[in-house]
Amino acid sequence: MEPIEEAVQELKELNRTNKRLLEIQGLQFALDPTRYIARKTRSGEAISDKGSYYQL
């Protein structure tokens, strides 16, 4: 395999992995949204917006 083909395959695998991780995060949010939001605010990925809303 050429280096470019190897890089393309690696990027495709990373894309598949990323999609799986997003799906898992969506399930975590659906099953327990308060815990998910609390974890995101602790890590700094979510910020408190007006009132009780959070921007994720």
C-alpha atoms as a PDB file:
ATOM      1  CA  MET A   1       0.000   0.000   0.000  1.00  0.00           C
ATOM      2  CA  GLU A   2       1.136   3.496  -0.724  1.00  0.00           C
ATOM      3  CA  PRO A   3       1.517   5.956   2.164  1.00  0.00           C
ATOM      4  CA  ILE A   4      -1.448   7.998   0.929  1.00  0.00           C
ATOM      5  CA  GLU A   5      -3.697   4.924   0.832  1.00  0.00           C
ATOM      6  CA  GLU A   6      -2.591   4.013   4.354  1.00  0.00           C
ATOM      7  CA  ALA A   7      -3.386   7.527   5.562  1.00  0.00           C
ATOM      8  CA  VAL A   8      -6.817   7.376   3.918  1.00  0.00           C
ATOM      9  CA  GLN A   9      -7.572   4.052   5.610  1.00  0.00           C
ATOM     10  CA  GLU A  10      -6.422   5.403   8.969  1.00  0.00           C
ATOM     11  CA  LEU A  11      -8.621   8.487   8.590  1.00  0.00           C
ATOM     12  CA  LYS A  12     -11.613   6.328   7.681  1.00  0.00           C
ATOM     13  CA  GLU A  13     -11.058   4.223  10.809  1.00  0.00           C
ATOM     14  CA  LEU A  14     -10.776   7.358  12.958  1.00  0.00           C
ATOM     15  CA  ASN A  15     -14.005   8.658  11.438  1.00  0.00           C
ATOM     16  CA  ARG A  16     -15.819   5.395  12.250  1.00  0.00           C
ATOM     17  CA  THR A  17     -14.476   5.477  15.808  1.00  0.00           C
ATOM     18  CA  ASN A  18     -15.533   9.105  16.239  1.00  0.00           C
ATOM     19  CA  LYS A  19     -19.058   8.325  15.017  1.00  0.00           C
ATOM     20  CA  ARG A  20     -19.307   5.458  17.535  1.00  0.00           C
ATOM     21  CA  LEU A  21     -18.160   7.739  20.352  1.00  0.00           C
ATOM     22  CA  LEU A  22     -20.747  10.365  19.406  1.00  0.00           C
ATOM     23  CA  GLU A  23     -23.429   7.679  19.398  1.00  0.00           C
ATOM     24  CA  ILE A  24     -22.364   6.539  22.875  1.00  0.00           C
ATOM     25  CA  GLN A  25     -22.425  10.134  24.151  1.00  0.00           C
ATOM     26  CA  GLY A  26     -25.925  10.552  22.759  1.00  0.00           C
ATOM     27  CA  LEU A  27     -27.056   7.447  24.621  1.00  0.00           C
ATOM     28  CA  GLN A  28     -25.501   8.735  27.838  1.00  0.00           C
ATOM     29  CA  PHE A  29     -27.345  12.028  27.437  1.00  0.00           C
ATOM     30  CA  ALA A  30     -30.656  10.288  26.705  1.00  0.00           C
ATOM     31  CA  LEU A  31     -30.354   7.950  29.686  1.00  0.00           C
ATOM     32  CA  ASP A  32     -29.139  10.449  32.291  1.00  0.00           C
ATOM     33  CA  PRO A  33     -29.011  14.062  31.049  1.00  0.00           C
ATOM     34  CA  THR A  34     -28.217  15.684  34.417  1.00  0.00           C
ATOM     35  CA  ARG A  35     -25.150  13.506  34.959  1.00  0.00           C
ATOM     36  CA  TYR A  36     -24.020  14.095  31.371  1.00  0.00           C
ATOM     37  CA  ILE A  37     -24.350  17.879  31.716  1.00  0.00           C
ATOM     38  CA  ALA A  38     -22.611  17.858  35.105  1.00  0.00           C
ATOM     39  CA  ARG A  39     -19.662  15.973  33.603  1.00  0.00           C
ATOM     40  CA  LYS A  40     -19.500  18.380  30.658  1.00  0.00           C
ATOM     41  CA  THR A  41     -19.549  21.457  32.933  1.00  0.00           C
ATOM     42  CA  ARG A  42     -16.806  20.011  35.151  1.00  0.00           C
ATOM     43  CA  SER A  43     -14.608  19.347  32.123  1.00  0.00           C
ATOM     44  CA  GLY A  44     -15.318  22.824  30.732  1.00  0.00           C
ATOM     45  CA  GLU A  45     -16.982  21.508  27.566  1.00  0.00           C
ATOM     46  CA  ALA A  46     -20.377  22.983  28.522  1.00  0.00           C
ATOM     47  CA  ILE A  47     -21.015  26.459  29.789  1.00  0.00           C
ATOM     48  CA  SER A  48     -23.943  27.667  31.827  1.00  0.00           C
ATOM     49  CA  ASP A  49     -26.257  29.843  29.806  1.00  0.00           C
ATOM     50  CA  LYS A  50     -29.238  31.920  30.969  1.00  0.00           C
ATOM     51  CA  GLY A  51     -31.311  30.272  33.657  1.00  0.00           C
ATOM     52  CA  SER A  52     -31.023  26.520  33.804  1.00  0.00           C
ATOM     53  CA  TYR A  53     -29.926  26.024  30.193  1.00  0.00           C
ATOM     54  CA  TYR A  54     -26.521  24.754  29.161  1.00  0.00           C
ATOM     55  CA  GLN A  55     -24.680  25.209  25.915  1.00  0.00           C
ATOM     56  CA  LEU A  56     -22.991  21.919  25.037  1.00  0.00           C
END
